[in-house]
Amino acid sequence: MGLVHIEGEVKGPNGSAVVKFLVDTGAGFTLILEAIWREIGLVAKRAMIFSLADGSEIRRNISECQIRLLEDEGHTPVIMGEGADEALLGVVTLEEFGLMINPFNRQLQPMRMMLAQSVSATLA
């Protein structure tokens, strides 16, 4: 399908930062780079083990933060990235915001818009 990126703003106790996320529909949680989560003051709430596409497993801490995407803002769990991790926007955050990737134009849009277009096309 190609790569889809979106710019968002993350907020923590020490401020906010703008992040360019790779939208990853194969990732459960959103991942924030180490430099960013440290800058905005996130603290670990728990740790989880994640399976990667190559079958390996990694352990990462999980926190929570406010995030602003498009014209909406909300609260979401985030993986606290380490080392060479890449900033990812995962499915949990997409669903919390009611967003999906339109497979035809590779753009994020509200789920209800895509569903309405599908229904209209079916009825026509």
N, C-alpha and C. Protein backbone atom coordinates (compact mmCIF):
# COMPACT_ATOMS: atom_id res chain seq x y z
N MET A 1 0.82 -1.19 0.00
CA MET A 1 0.00 0.00 0.00
C MET A 1 0.87 1.25 0.00
N GLY A 2 2.09 1.20 0.47
CA GLY A 2 2.91 2.39 0.56
C GLY A 2 2.95 2.91 1.98
N LEU A 3 3.83 3.86 2.22
CA LEU A 3 4.00 4.42 3.55
C LEU A 3 3.11 5.63 3.74
N VAL A 4 2.52 5.73 4.92
CA VAL A 4 1.69 6.87 5.27
C VAL A 4 2.27 7.48 6.53
N HIS A 5 2.53 8.77 6.49
CA HIS A 5 3.02 9.51 7.65
C HIS A 5 2.02 10.57 8.04
N ILE A 6 2.01 10.91 9.31
CA ILE A 6 1.17 11.99 9.81
C ILE A 6 1.91 12.72 10.92
N GLU A 7 1.74 14.01 10.94
CA GLU A 7 2.34 14.81 12.00
C GLU A 7 1.33 14.94 13.13
N GLY A 8 1.80 14.78 14.34
CA GLY A 8 0.95 14.92 15.51
C GLY A 8 1.70 15.64 16.61
N GLU A 9 0.99 16.06 17.61
CA GLU A 9 1.60 16.72 18.77
C GLU A 9 1.34 15.86 19.99
N VAL A 10 2.39 15.54 20.74
CA VAL A 10 2.26 14.78 21.98
C VAL A 10 2.51 15.71 23.15
N LYS A 11 1.75 15.49 24.24
CA LYS A 11 1.86 16.35 25.41
C LYS A 11 2.06 15.51 26.66
N GLY A 12 2.96 15.97 27.50
CA GLY A 12 3.23 15.33 28.78
C GLY A 12 3.31 16.38 29.88
N PRO A 13 3.72 15.97 31.08
CA PRO A 13 3.79 16.90 32.21
C PRO A 13 4.77 18.05 32.00
N ASN A 14 5.80 17.85 31.16
CA ASN A 14 6.83 18.88 30.97
C ASN A 14 6.69 19.66 29.67
N GLY A 15 5.58 19.51 28.96
CA GLY A 15 5.40 20.25 27.72
C GLY A 15 4.92 19.39 26.58
N SER A 16 5.16 19.87 25.36
CA SER A 16 4.69 19.16 24.18
C SER A 16 5.76 19.14 23.10
N ALA A 17 5.57 18.26 22.12
CA ALA A 17 6.50 18.15 21.00
C ALA A 17 5.74 17.68 19.77
N VAL A 18 6.18 18.13 18.61
CA VAL A 18 5.60 17.70 17.35
C VAL A 18 6.38 16.47 16.88
N VAL A 19 5.64 15.44 16.43
CA VAL A 19 6.24 14.18 16.02
C VAL A 19 5.70 13.81 14.64
N LYS A 20 6.58 13.31 13.78
CA LYS A 20 6.15 12.76 12.49
C LYS A 20 6.07 11.24 12.68
N PHE A 21 4.84 10.71 12.65
CA PHE A 21 4.60 9.29 12.87
C PHE A 21 4.48 8.54 11.55
N LEU A 22 5.00 7.33 11.51
CA LEU A 22 4.69 6.38 10.45
C LEU A 22 3.41 5.68 10.90
N VAL A 23 2.35 5.73 10.10
CA VAL A 23 1.11 5.05 10.44
C VAL A 23 1.32 3.57 10.16
N ASP A 24 1.19 2.75 11.20
CA ASP A 24 1.47 1.32 11.10
C ASP A 24 0.26 0.53 11.57
N THR A 25 -0.54 0.04 10.62
CA THR A 25 -1.74 -0.71 10.97
C THR A 25 -1.40 -2.10 11.50
N GLY A 26 -0.13 -2.46 11.49
CA GLY A 26 0.31 -3.73 12.07
C GLY A 26 0.79 -3.57 13.51
N ALA A 27 0.87 -2.33 13.97
CA ALA A 27 1.32 -2.06 15.34
C ALA A 27 0.11 -1.80 16.22
N GLY A 28 0.11 -2.39 17.39
CA GLY A 28 -0.99 -2.16 18.32
C GLY A 28 -0.94 -0.78 18.93
N PHE A 29 0.19 -0.45 19.54
CA PHE A 29 0.32 0.81 20.25
C PHE A 29 1.15 1.83 19.46
N THR A 30 0.95 3.08 19.78
CA THR A 30 1.75 4.18 19.25
C THR A 30 3.09 4.18 19.99
N LEU A 31 4.16 4.48 19.25
CA LEU A 31 5.50 4.53 19.84
C LEU A 31 6.07 5.94 19.71
N ILE A 32 6.60 6.45 20.81
CA ILE A 32 7.23 7.77 20.84
C ILE A 32 8.72 7.59 21.06
N LEU A 33 9.51 8.33 20.31
CA LEU A 33 10.97 8.26 20.42
C LEU A 33 11.45 8.63 21.82
N GLU A 34 12.56 8.03 22.22
CA GLU A 34 13.10 8.26 23.56
C GLU A 34 13.36 9.74 23.84
N ALA A 35 13.98 10.45 22.90
CA ALA A 35 14.27 11.87 23.12
C ALA A 35 12.99 12.67 23.37
N ILE A 36 11.91 12.29 22.69
CA ILE A 36 10.63 13.01 22.82
C ILE A 36 9.98 12.71 24.16
N TRP A 37 9.84 11.40 24.53
CA TRP A 37 9.16 11.11 25.79
C TRP A 37 9.93 11.63 26.99
N ARG A 38 11.26 11.68 26.87
CA ARG A 38 12.05 12.27 27.97
C ARG A 38 11.80 13.78 28.04
N GLU A 39 11.76 14.43 26.88
CA GLU A 39 11.55 15.88 26.82
C GLU A 39 10.21 16.29 27.42
N ILE A 40 9.16 15.53 27.13
CA ILE A 40 7.82 15.91 27.62
C ILE A 40 7.50 15.31 28.99
N GLY A 41 8.43 14.53 29.54
CA GLY A 41 8.30 14.08 30.92
C GLY A 41 7.42 12.87 31.17
N LEU A 42 7.34 11.95 30.21
CA LEU A 42 6.54 10.74 30.45
C LEU A 42 7.28 9.80 31.40
N VAL A 43 6.51 9.06 32.20
CA VAL A 43 7.07 8.05 33.09
C VAL A 43 6.38 6.71 32.81
N ALA A 44 7.13 5.64 32.99
CA ALA A 44 6.62 4.30 32.71
C ALA A 44 5.51 3.92 33.69
N LYS A 45 4.46 3.31 33.16
CA LYS A 45 3.36 2.79 33.98
C LYS A 45 3.46 1.28 34.14
N ARG A 46 4.00 0.62 33.10
CA ARG A 46 4.18 -0.83 33.08
C ARG A 46 5.10 -1.18 31.92
N ALA A 47 5.44 -2.45 31.79
CA ALA A 47 6.25 -2.91 30.66
C ALA A 47 5.51 -4.04 29.96
N MET A 48 5.78 -4.19 28.67
CA MET A 48 5.17 -5.27 27.88
C MET A 48 6.23 -5.86 26.95
N ILE A 49 5.99 -7.07 26.52
CA ILE A 49 6.84 -7.71 25.52
C ILE A 49 6.09 -7.68 24.20
N PHE A 50 6.79 -7.26 23.13
CA PHE A 50 6.19 -7.13 21.81
C PHE A 50 6.89 -8.07 20.84
N SER A 51 6.10 -8.70 19.97
CA SER A 51 6.65 -9.54 18.90
C SER A 51 6.82 -8.69 17.66
N LEU A 52 8.01 -8.74 17.08
CA LEU A 52 8.30 -7.99 15.86
C LEU A 52 8.01 -8.84 14.63
N ALA A 53 8.00 -8.21 13.46
CA ALA A 53 7.68 -8.91 12.21
C ALA A 53 8.64 -10.06 11.92
N ASP A 54 9.89 -9.95 12.39
CA ASP A 54 10.86 -11.02 12.14
C ASP A 54 10.77 -12.16 13.16
N GLY A 55 9.82 -12.07 14.08
CA GLY A 55 9.62 -13.12 15.07
C GLY A 55 10.35 -12.87 16.38
N SER A 56 11.23 -11.88 16.42
CA SER A 56 11.95 -11.58 17.66
C SER A 56 11.03 -10.83 18.62
N GLU A 57 11.43 -10.79 19.87
CA GLU A 57 10.64 -10.10 20.88
C GLU A 57 11.47 -9.01 21.55
N ILE A 58 10.81 -7.92 21.90
CA ILE A 58 11.47 -6.84 22.64
C ILE A 58 10.58 -6.45 23.81
N ARG A 59 11.20 -5.92 24.83
CA ARG A 59 10.47 -5.44 26.00
C ARG A 59 10.57 -3.92 26.01
N ARG A 60 9.44 -3.26 26.15
CA ARG A 60 9.42 -1.80 26.20
C ARG A 60 8.46 -1.35 27.30
N ASN A 61 8.77 -0.19 27.87
CA ASN A 61 7.89 0.42 28.86
C ASN A 61 6.72 1.09 28.15
N ILE A 62 5.61 1.18 28.87
CA ILE A 62 4.38 1.80 28.37
C ILE A 62 4.03 2.97 29.27
N SER A 63 3.60 4.06 28.67
CA SER A 63 3.12 5.22 29.41
C SER A 63 1.81 5.68 28.76
N GLU A 64 1.39 6.87 29.06
CA GLU A 64 0.19 7.46 28.48
C GLU A 64 0.46 8.93 28.24
N CYS A 65 -0.18 9.49 27.22
CA CYS A 65 -0.03 10.93 26.98
C CYS A 65 -1.22 11.46 26.19
N GLN A 66 -1.29 12.77 26.14
CA GLN A 66 -2.25 13.45 25.27
C GLN A 66 -1.61 13.51 23.88
N ILE A 67 -2.42 13.33 22.87
CA ILE A 67 -1.92 13.42 21.51
C ILE A 67 -2.93 14.18 20.67
N ARG A 68 -2.43 15.00 19.76
CA ARG A 68 -3.29 15.76 18.85
C ARG A 68 -3.00 15.29 17.44
N LEU A 69 -4.05 14.83 16.76
CA LEU A 69 -3.97 14.38 15.37
C LEU A 69 -5.04 15.09 14.57
N LEU A 70 -4.67 15.63 13.43
CA LEU A 70 -5.62 16.37 12.60
C LEU A 70 -6.26 17.45 13.47
N GLU A 71 -7.54 17.43 13.64
CA GLU A 71 -8.22 18.46 14.43
C GLU A 71 -8.71 17.95 15.78
N ASP A 72 -8.23 16.78 16.20
CA ASP A 72 -8.75 16.15 17.41
C ASP A 72 -7.62 15.91 18.41
N GLU A 73 -7.99 15.87 19.69
CA GLU A 73 -7.03 15.60 20.74
C GLU A 73 -7.60 14.58 21.70
N GLY A 74 -6.76 13.67 22.18
CA GLY A 74 -7.22 12.66 23.11
C GLY A 74 -6.07 12.02 23.86
N HIS A 75 -6.42 11.10 24.71
CA HIS A 75 -5.49 10.41 25.59
C HIS A 75 -5.24 9.02 25.02
N THR A 76 -3.98 8.56 25.02
CA THR A 76 -3.69 7.26 24.43
C THR A 76 -2.49 6.61 25.12
N PRO A 77 -2.46 5.27 25.18
CA PRO A 77 -1.26 4.59 25.68
C PRO A 77 -0.16 4.70 24.62
N VAL A 78 1.10 4.77 25.07
CA VAL A 78 2.22 4.86 24.14
C VAL A 78 3.37 3.98 24.62
N ILE A 79 4.08 3.43 23.65
CA ILE A 79 5.32 2.70 23.93
C ILE A 79 6.42 3.74 24.06
N MET A 80 7.25 3.58 25.06
CA MET A 80 8.39 4.48 25.27
C MET A 80 9.57 3.91 24.49
N GLY A 81 9.80 4.48 23.30
CA GLY A 81 10.83 3.97 22.41
C GLY A 81 12.22 4.04 22.99
N GLU A 82 13.10 3.22 22.43
CA GLU A 82 14.51 3.18 22.83
C GLU A 82 15.37 3.11 21.58
N GLY A 83 16.60 3.58 21.71
CA GLY A 83 17.59 3.44 20.65
C GLY A 83 17.10 3.83 19.27
N ALA A 84 17.12 2.86 18.34
CA ALA A 84 16.78 3.11 16.94
C ALA A 84 15.29 2.92 16.62
N ASP A 85 14.45 2.81 17.63
CA ASP A 85 13.01 2.67 17.37
C ASP A 85 12.52 3.85 16.53
N GLU A 86 11.47 3.61 15.75
CA GLU A 86 10.88 4.65 14.92
C GLU A 86 9.53 5.06 15.49
N ALA A 87 9.18 6.34 15.37
CA ALA A 87 7.89 6.83 15.85
C ALA A 87 6.77 6.21 15.01
N LEU A 88 5.87 5.49 15.67
CA LEU A 88 4.78 4.80 14.99
C LEU A 88 3.44 5.25 15.55
N LEU A 89 2.44 5.31 14.70
CA LEU A 89 1.07 5.55 15.12
C LEU A 89 0.34 4.22 14.95
N GLY A 90 -0.04 3.61 16.07
CA GLY A 90 -0.63 2.29 16.05
C GLY A 90 -2.15 2.27 16.01
N VAL A 91 -2.68 1.06 15.89
CA VAL A 91 -4.12 0.84 15.71
C VAL A 91 -4.94 1.30 16.91
N VAL A 92 -4.43 1.13 18.12
CA VAL A 92 -5.21 1.55 19.29
C VAL A 92 -5.51 3.04 19.21
N THR A 93 -4.49 3.84 18.90
CA THR A 93 -4.69 5.29 18.78
C THR A 93 -5.60 5.62 17.61
N LEU A 94 -5.39 4.96 16.47
CA LEU A 94 -6.26 5.20 15.31
C LEU A 94 -7.73 4.96 15.67
N GLU A 95 -7.99 3.84 16.35
CA GLU A 95 -9.37 3.52 16.72
C GLU A 95 -9.92 4.49 17.75
N GLU A 96 -9.08 4.91 18.71
CA GLU A 96 -9.54 5.88 19.71
C GLU A 96 -9.97 7.19 19.04
N PHE A 97 -9.31 7.54 17.95
CA PHE A 97 -9.61 8.77 17.24
C PHE A 97 -10.62 8.55 16.11
N GLY A 98 -11.05 7.30 15.91
CA GLY A 98 -12.01 7.01 14.85
C GLY A 98 -11.43 7.23 13.46
N LEU A 99 -10.13 6.95 13.30
CA LEU A 99 -9.45 7.16 12.03
C LEU A 99 -9.11 5.84 11.35
N MET A 100 -8.97 5.92 10.05
CA MET A 100 -8.53 4.76 9.27
C MET A 100 -7.75 5.26 8.07
N ILE A 101 -7.01 4.35 7.44
CA ILE A 101 -6.30 4.71 6.21
C ILE A 101 -7.21 4.37 5.04
N ASN A 102 -7.45 5.34 4.18
CA ASN A 102 -8.19 5.11 2.95
C ASN A 102 -7.22 4.40 2.00
N PRO A 103 -7.51 3.15 1.61
CA PRO A 103 -6.56 2.41 0.79
C PRO A 103 -6.40 2.95 -0.63
N PHE A 104 -7.32 3.80 -1.07
CA PHE A 104 -7.26 4.32 -2.42
C PHE A 104 -6.36 5.54 -2.56
N ASN A 105 -6.37 6.41 -1.54
CA ASN A 105 -5.52 7.60 -1.63
C ASN A 105 -4.43 7.65 -0.55
N ARG A 106 -4.35 6.61 0.28
CA ARG A 106 -3.35 6.50 1.34
C ARG A 106 -3.35 7.70 2.27
N GLN A 107 -4.55 8.16 2.63
CA GLN A 107 -4.72 9.28 3.54
C GLN A 107 -5.48 8.82 4.77
N LEU A 108 -5.18 9.43 5.92
CA LEU A 108 -5.99 9.18 7.11
C LEU A 108 -7.29 9.94 6.98
N GLN A 109 -8.35 9.30 7.37
CA GLN A 109 -9.65 9.98 7.37
C GLN A 109 -10.55 9.34 8.41
N PRO A 110 -11.61 10.03 8.79
CA PRO A 110 -12.55 9.46 9.76
C PRO A 110 -13.17 8.18 9.23
N MET A 111 -13.33 7.19 10.11
CA MET A 111 -13.95 5.92 9.71
C MET A 111 -15.34 6.14 9.15
N ARG A 112 -16.09 7.02 9.76
CA ARG A 112 -17.47 7.25 9.32
C ARG A 112 -17.52 7.76 7.89
N MET A 113 -16.52 8.52 7.45
CA MET A 113 -16.50 9.03 6.08
C MET A 113 -16.30 7.88 5.10
N MET A 114 -15.38 7.00 5.41
CA MET A 114 -15.12 5.87 4.51
C MET A 114 -16.33 4.94 4.48
N LEU A 115 -16.94 4.71 5.63
CA LEU A 115 -18.12 3.85 5.68
C LEU A 115 -19.27 4.46 4.89
N ALA A 116 -19.46 5.77 5.03
CA ALA A 116 -20.54 6.45 4.29
C ALA A 116 -20.29 6.35 2.78
N GLN A 117 -19.04 6.49 2.35
CA GLN A 117 -18.72 6.37 0.92
C GLN A 117 -19.00 4.96 0.43
N SER A 118 -18.69 3.95 1.26
CA SER A 118 -18.92 2.56 0.87
C SER A 118 -20.41 2.28 0.72
N VAL A 119 -21.20 2.78 1.66
CA VAL A 119 -22.64 2.58 1.59
C VAL A 119 -23.22 3.28 0.37
N SER A 120 -22.78 4.50 0.10
CA SER A 120 -23.27 5.25 -1.07
C SER A 120 -22.93 4.52 -2.36
N ALA A 121 -21.74 3.98 -2.44
CA ALA A 121 -21.32 3.27 -3.66
C ALA A 121 -22.13 1.98 -3.84
N THR A 122 -22.46 1.32 -2.74
CA THR A 122 -23.24 0.09 -2.79
C THR A 122 -24.66 0.36 -3.24
N LEU A 123 -25.23 1.47 -2.78
CA LEU A 123 -26.62 1.81 -3.12
C LEU A 123 -26.76 2.36 -4.54
N ALA A 124 -25.68 2.86 -5.10
CA ALA A 124 -25.77 3.50 -6.43
C ALA A 124 -25.91 2.48 -7.54
